[in-house]
Structure formats: C-alpha cells, structure tokens
C-alpha atoms as a PDB file:
ATOM      1  CA  UNK A   1    -144.860 166.618 246.187  1.00  0.00           C
ATOM      2  CA  UNK A   2    -143.261 170.232 245.486  1.00  0.00           C
ATOM      3  CA  UNK A   3    -140.919 169.567 248.482  1.00  0.00           C
ATOM      4  CA  UNK A   4    -139.768 166.544 246.558  1.00  0.00           C
ATOM      5  CA  UNK A   5    -139.368 167.856 243.393  1.00  0.00           C
ATOM      6  CA  UNK A   6    -137.238 170.827 244.555  1.00  0.00           C
ATOM      7  CA  UNK A   7    -135.041 168.368 246.437  1.00  0.00           C
ATOM      8  CA  UNK A   8    -134.606 166.175 243.265  1.00  0.00           C
ATOM      9  CA  UNK A   9    -133.615 169.127 241.020  1.00  0.00           C
ATOM     10  CA  UNK A  10    -131.252 170.485 243.802  1.00  0.00           C
ATOM     11  CA  UNK A  11    -129.279 166.847 243.783  1.00  0.00           C
ATOM     12  CA  UNK A  12    -129.403 166.911 240.108  1.00  0.00           C
ATOM     13  CA  UNK A  13    -127.805 170.343 239.981  1.00  0.00           C
ATOM     14  CA  UNK A  14    -125.329 169.704 243.127  1.00  0.00           C
ATOM     15  CA  UNK A  15    -124.111 166.800 240.993  1.00  0.00           C
ATOM     16  CA  UNK A  16    -124.029 168.291 237.659  1.00  0.00           C
ATOM     17  CA  UNK A  17    -119.923 169.802 238.716  1.00  0.00           C
ATOM     18  CA  UNK A  18    -118.850 166.735 239.931  1.00  0.00           C
ATOM     19  CA  UNK A  19    -119.460 164.971 236.945  1.00  0.00           C
ATOM     20  CA  UNK A  20    -117.930 167.367 234.724  1.00  0.00           C
ATOM     21  CA  UNK A  21    -114.865 167.150 237.242  1.00  0.00           C
ATOM     22  CA  UNK A  22    -114.492 163.330 236.366  1.00  0.00           C
ATOM     23  CA  UNK A  23    -114.118 163.471 232.652  1.00  0.00           C
ATOM     24  CA  UNK A  24    -111.094 161.459 231.741  1.00  0.00           C
ATOM     25  CA  UNK A  25    -108.711 162.895 228.885  1.00  0.00           C
ATOM     26  CA  UNK A  26    -109.197 161.875 225.616  1.00  0.00           C
ATOM     27  CA  UNK A  27    -106.424 162.263 222.756  1.00  0.00           C
ATOM     28  CA  UNK A  28    -106.301 160.279 219.882  1.00  0.00           C
ATOM     29  CA  UNK A  29    -102.630 161.124 219.491  1.00  0.00           C
ATOM     30  CA  UNK A  30    -101.331 160.040 222.976  1.00  0.00           C
ATOM     31  CA  UNK A  31    -103.560 157.161 222.775  1.00  0.00           C
ATOM     32  CA  UNK A  32    -101.401 155.543 219.490  1.00  0.00           C
ATOM     33  CA  UNK A  33     -98.318 155.928 222.078  1.00  0.00           C
ATOM     34  CA  UNK A  34     -99.874 153.856 224.629  1.00  0.00           C
ATOM     35  CA  UNK A  35     -98.473 150.019 224.488  1.00  0.00           C
ATOM     36  CA  UNK A  36     -95.483 148.560 224.939  1.00  0.00           C
ATOM     37  CA  UNK A  37     -92.643 149.186 223.076  1.00  0.00           C
ATOM     38  CA  UNK A  38     -88.947 148.868 222.028  1.00  0.00           C
ATOM     39  CA  UNK A  39     -86.784 152.159 221.589  1.00  0.00           C
ATOM     40  CA  UNK A  40     -83.818 151.542 218.996  1.00  0.00           C
ATOM     41  CA  UNK A  41     -81.284 154.102 218.174  1.00  0.00           C
ATOM     42  CA  UNK A  42     -78.901 156.640 219.210  1.00  0.00           C
ATOM     43  CA  UNK A  43     -78.269 158.414 222.383  1.00  0.00           C
ATOM     44  CA  UNK A  44     -75.863 160.993 222.937  1.00  0.00           C
ATOM     45  CA  UNK A  45     -73.939 159.064 220.165  1.00  0.00           C
ATOM     46  CA  UNK A  46     -74.448 156.155 221.355  1.00  0.00           C
ATOM     47  CA  UNK A  47     -76.286 153.059 220.056  1.00  0.00           C
ATOM     48  CA  UNK A  48     -78.997 151.957 222.578  1.00  0.00           C
ATOM     49  CA  UNK A  49     -81.939 149.758 223.215  1.00  0.00           C
ATOM     50  CA  UNK A  50     -84.321 150.456 225.721  1.00  0.00           C
ATOM     51  CA  UNK A  51     -88.074 149.337 226.258  1.00  0.00           C
ATOM     52  CA  UNK A  52     -91.064 151.456 227.130  1.00  0.00           C
ATOM     53  CA  UNK A  53     -94.204 150.488 228.636  1.00  0.00           C
ATOM     54  CA  UNK A  54     -96.568 153.490 228.260  1.00  0.00           C
ATOM     55  CA  UNK A  55    -100.275 153.665 230.090  1.00  0.00           C
ATOM     56  CA  UNK A  56    -102.969 155.824 231.101  1.00  0.00           C
ATOM     57  CA  UNK A  57    -102.986 156.686 234.659  1.00  0.00           C
ATOM     58  CA  UNK A  58    -104.445 158.550 237.525  1.00  0.00           C
ATOM     59  CA  UNK A  59    -107.953 158.349 235.827  1.00  0.00           C
ATOM     60  CA  UNK A  60    -106.992 158.585 232.172  1.00  0.00           C
ATOM     61  CA  UNK A  61    -105.507 161.941 232.867  1.00  0.00           C
ATOM     62  CA  UNK A  62    -102.076 161.374 232.403  1.00  0.00           C
ATOM     63  CA  UNK A  63    -100.280 158.962 229.647  1.00  0.00           C
ATOM     64  CA  UNK A  64     -97.062 157.901 231.702  1.00  0.00           C
ATOM     65  CA  UNK A  65     -94.061 155.955 229.983  1.00  0.00           C
ATOM     66  CA  UNK A  66     -91.747 153.931 231.990  1.00  0.00           C
ATOM     67  CA  UNK A  67     -88.635 153.540 230.096  1.00  0.00           C
ATOM     68  CA  UNK A  68     -85.575 150.972 230.933  1.00  0.00           C
ATOM     69  CA  UNK A  69     -82.192 150.890 229.243  1.00  0.00           C
ATOM     70  CA  UNK A  70     -81.122 147.163 228.128  1.00  0.00           C
ATOM     71  CA  UNK A  71     -77.930 148.508 229.043  1.00  0.00           C
ATOM     72  CA  UNK A  72     -76.569 147.652 232.888  1.00  0.00           C
ATOM     73  CA  UNK A  73     -74.695 149.621 234.757  1.00  0.00           C
ATOM     74  CA  UNK A  74     -71.544 148.622 237.418  1.00  0.00           C
ATOM     75  CA  UNK A  75     -74.183 147.587 240.172  1.00  0.00           C
ATOM     76  CA  UNK A  76     -76.170 145.236 237.324  1.00  0.00           C
ATOM     77  CA  UNK A  77     -79.255 148.039 237.059  1.00  0.00           C
ATOM     78  CA  UNK A  78     -80.904 149.462 234.166  1.00  0.00           C
ATOM     79  CA  UNK A  79     -77.771 152.180 232.858  1.00  0.00           C
ATOM     80  CA  UNK A  80     -80.595 154.473 232.076  1.00  0.00           C
ATOM     81  CA  UNK A  81     -84.470 154.765 233.630  1.00  0.00           C
ATOM     82  CA  UNK A  82     -87.206 157.664 233.417  1.00  0.00           C
ATOM     83  CA  UNK A  83     -90.881 157.781 233.870  1.00  0.00           C
ATOM     84  CA  UNK A  84     -92.805 160.798 232.068  1.00  0.00           C
ATOM     85  CA  UNK A  85     -96.143 162.267 232.482  1.00  0.00           C
ATOM     86  CA  UNK A  86     -97.656 163.746 229.319  1.00  0.00           C
ATOM     87  CA  UNK A  87    -101.184 165.676 230.062  1.00  0.00           C
ATOM     88  CA  UNK A  88    -103.043 168.302 228.640  1.00  0.00           C
ATOM     89  CA  UNK A  89    -102.759 171.726 230.665  1.00  0.00           C
ATOM     90  CA  UNK A  90    -106.384 173.533 230.055  1.00  0.00           C
ATOM     91  CA  UNK A  91    -105.449 177.147 231.019  1.00  0.00           C
ATOM     92  CA  UNK A  92    -102.417 177.071 228.677  1.00  0.00           C
ATOM     93  CA  UNK A  93    -104.252 175.102 225.615  1.00  0.00           C
ATOM     94  CA  UNK A  94    -101.247 172.965 225.244  1.00  0.00           C
ATOM     95  CA  UNK A  95     -99.081 169.608 226.441  1.00  0.00           C
ATOM     96  CA  UNK A  96     -97.359 169.301 229.500  1.00  0.00           C
ATOM     97  CA  UNK A  97     -94.979 166.753 230.372  1.00  0.00           C
ATOM     98  CA  UNK A  98     -92.857 165.854 233.549  1.00  0.00           C
ATOM     99  CA  UNK A  99     -89.489 164.418 232.497  1.00  0.00           C
ATOM    100  CA  UNK A 100     -88.002 162.478 235.605  1.00  0.00           C
ATOM    101  CA  UNK A 101     -84.988 160.195 235.320  1.00  0.00           C
ATOM    102  CA  UNK A 102     -82.063 158.809 236.685  1.00  0.00           C
ATOM    103  CA  UNK A 103     -79.684 161.582 235.679  1.00  0.00           C
ATOM    104  CA  UNK A 104     -81.353 164.005 238.169  1.00  0.00           C
ATOM    105  CA  UNK A 105     -80.975 166.948 235.731  1.00  0.00           C
ATOM    106  CA  UNK A 106     -83.172 169.503 237.639  1.00  0.00           C
ATOM    107  CA  UNK A 107     -85.157 167.058 239.864  1.00  0.00           C
ATOM    108  CA  UNK A 108     -88.751 168.736 239.865  1.00  0.00           C
ATOM    109  CA  UNK A 109     -87.386 171.787 238.474  1.00  0.00           C
ATOM    110  CA  UNK A 110     -89.156 173.986 235.952  1.00  0.00           C
ATOM    111  CA  UNK A 111     -86.218 172.269 233.595  1.00  0.00           C
ATOM    112  CA  UNK A 112     -88.192 168.613 234.469  1.00  0.00           C
ATOM    113  CA  UNK A 113     -91.423 170.168 232.842  1.00  0.00           C
ATOM    114  CA  UNK A 114     -91.616 170.865 228.920  1.00  0.00           C
ATOM    115  CA  UNK A 115     -94.753 172.331 226.805  1.00  0.00           C
ATOM    116  CA  UNK A 116     -95.997 171.655 223.522  1.00  0.00           C
ATOM    117  CA  UNK A 117     -98.845 172.495 221.253  1.00  0.00           C
ATOM    118  CA  UNK A 118     -99.954 169.613 218.623  1.00  0.00           C
ATOM    119  CA  UNK A 119     -99.197 169.802 215.019  1.00  0.00           C
ATOM    120  CA  UNK A 120    -101.252 166.913 213.359  1.00  0.00           C
ATOM    121  CA  UNK A 121     -98.910 164.104 214.625  1.00  0.00           C
ATOM    122  CA  UNK A 122     -96.213 165.787 216.023  1.00  0.00           C
ATOM    123  CA  UNK A 123     -95.512 167.077 219.815  1.00  0.00           C
ATOM    124  CA  UNK A 124     -92.744 169.153 220.221  1.00  0.00           C
ATOM    125  CA  UNK A 125     -91.939 169.445 223.446  1.00  0.00           C
ATOM    126  CA  UNK A 126     -89.650 172.701 224.674  1.00  0.00           C
ATOM    127  CA  UNK A 127     -88.095 172.412 228.367  1.00  0.00           C
ATOM    128  CA  UNK A 128     -86.384 175.240 229.622  1.00  0.00           C
ATOM    129  CA  UNK A 129     -83.937 175.516 232.141  1.00  0.00           C
ATOM    130  CA  UNK A 130     -83.079 178.206 234.815  1.00  0.00           C
ATOM    131  CA  UNK A 131     -79.803 178.566 233.325  1.00  0.00           C
ATOM    132  CA  UNK A 132     -81.355 179.486 230.043  1.00  0.00           C
ATOM    133  CA  UNK A 133     -80.689 176.557 228.129  1.00  0.00           C
ATOM    134  CA  UNK A 134     -83.239 174.953 226.330  1.00  0.00           C
ATOM    135  CA  UNK A 135     -83.877 171.660 224.952  1.00  0.00           C
ATOM    136  CA  UNK A 136     -86.047 170.424 222.521  1.00  0.00           C
ATOM    137  CA  UNK A 137     -87.763 166.565 222.691  1.00  0.00           C
ATOM    138  CA  UNK A 138     -90.063 165.753 219.475  1.00  0.00           C
ATOM    139  CA  UNK A 139     -92.859 162.932 219.672  1.00  0.00           C
ATOM    140  CA  UNK A 140     -93.316 161.909 215.521  1.00  0.00           C
ATOM    141  CA  UNK A 141     -95.889 159.406 214.909  1.00  0.00           C
ATOM    142  CA  UNK A 142     -95.950 157.521 211.817  1.00  0.00           C
ATOM    143  CA  UNK A 143     -99.147 156.323 210.882  1.00  0.00           C
ATOM    144  CA  UNK A 144     -98.448 153.889 207.849  1.00  0.00           C
ATOM    145  CA  UNK A 145     -95.514 151.998 210.123  1.00  0.00           C
ATOM    146  CA  UNK A 146     -97.579 152.398 213.226  1.00  0.00           C
ATOM    147  CA  UNK A 147     -94.179 153.561 214.882  1.00  0.00           C
ATOM    148  CA  UNK A 148     -92.815 156.684 216.984  1.00  0.00           C
ATOM    149  CA  UNK A 149     -89.801 158.758 216.003  1.00  0.00           C
ATOM    150  CA  UNK A 150     -88.167 160.847 218.766  1.00  0.00           C
ATOM    151  CA  UNK A 151     -85.832 163.409 218.142  1.00  0.00           C
ATOM    152  CA  UNK A 152     -83.783 165.313 221.325  1.00  0.00           C
ATOM    153  CA  UNK A 153     -82.008 168.324 220.877  1.00  0.00           C
ATOM    154  CA  UNK A 154     -79.552 170.915 223.057  1.00  0.00           C
ATOM    155  CA  UNK A 155     -80.045 174.097 221.693  1.00  0.00           C
ATOM    156  CA  UNK A 156     -76.835 176.190 221.727  1.00  0.00           C
ATOM    157  CA  UNK A 157     -76.825 179.930 220.617  1.00  0.00           C
ATOM    158  CA  UNK A 158     -80.058 178.934 218.668  1.00  0.00           C
ATOM    159  CA  UNK A 159     -78.800 175.873 216.804  1.00  0.00           C
ATOM    160  CA  UNK A 160     -80.098 172.847 217.440  1.00  0.00           C
ATOM    161  CA  UNK A 161     -77.321 169.574 218.474  1.00  0.00           C
ATOM    162  CA  UNK A 162     -78.744 166.468 218.391  1.00  0.00           C
ATOM    163  CA  UNK A 163     -78.384 164.517 221.293  1.00  0.00           C
ATOM    164  CA  UNK A 164     -80.985 161.463 220.630  1.00  0.00           C
ATOM    165  CA  UNK A 165     -82.065 160.303 217.379  1.00  0.00           C
ATOM    166  CA  UNK A 166     -84.681 157.016 218.121  1.00  0.00           C
ATOM    167  CA  UNK A 167     -87.642 154.546 216.388  1.00  0.00           C
ATOM    168  CA  UNK A 168     -90.202 153.065 218.811  1.00  0.00           C
ATOM    169  CA  UNK A 169     -92.031 149.709 217.687  1.00  0.00           C
ATOM    170  CA  UNK A 170     -94.001 148.084 219.274  1.00  0.00           C
ATOM    171  CA  UNK A 171     -93.206 145.295 221.063  1.00  0.00           C
END
C-alpha cells in the first residue's frame, strides 16, 4: 500500500510542471481586440479601408491579426496584407508584437518585433530598426464605443512624423 501511495504521489509531482506549462495567456485588453473589424482611416497620406480578423491562436498564447486591404493591386490581389502576432514576453514583463506584411520591410529581423508595456487601455509598441530608426505603433481601446484607434508614426530626429491614423469598428 505504501508503494502505491508513493507512486501516486510521484505521478502527481511529475505532472504539476506539465500542467503549469499548459496555462493559456489571459489578457482582458487583448480580448477586446478579438473579433472581426473594419479599419478606416489614413495610411501614408491615403484614405483606406481594410478588413481585420483577430483571433487567439497557438493554444491561446498569441492574438493573431490578419489584415487585408480592400484596395487591389494590378494582379487583383490585396494591395496590403499583414499577419500580426501579439503575445506576452514573461522575462521582460512586456508585450511583444511580430508584424509581418507584404512590404517585406525587415522580414524576420528585429525591426519586425516591437515591445510595449500596458497602460490601462493602451499598448504603445516601439519597433527599432537595425539602422537606428524607430517606428511607433499605438493601439488605444475606446471602451465607450467598443472601438480601437491605431496611431503609427515614424520617429525622425526625436520628432514623430504621422504615418497612419485609423479606427477599427466591429464588422
């Protein structure tokens, strides 16, 4: 009987770390971004409309955003498309964002990865290029209307140069 109790106790002790590794990333702010959205606003000086599908993926560890412009290129494909992953980087206690898009601007380099600390209903990501450039992408959740505002800016000599001002509304 003692041997059986020892085996059961050993199985429980061995299982605890595996259970701890299976926890999902829970984030009330990012939960508000999950869903289907229409993005409208100005990007690089042009009025635009994009569709966005945001969903939790990979065991609820990352929020994936799939952004597709309604504007088409000469081949009839979306003029702009991006896949974005937002997750939590536990060692640094901040959010991490991997932004991959059709512009290829940086690919999988450090420039494609931004970091942000949460500030109530705002995530202000900084993407730093290997050339010293800095790009700001700020997501602001507007609770009263259940919408998001995205602001994107190039930083040039310490001053922000507006790149995008868009609003996301639920589809």
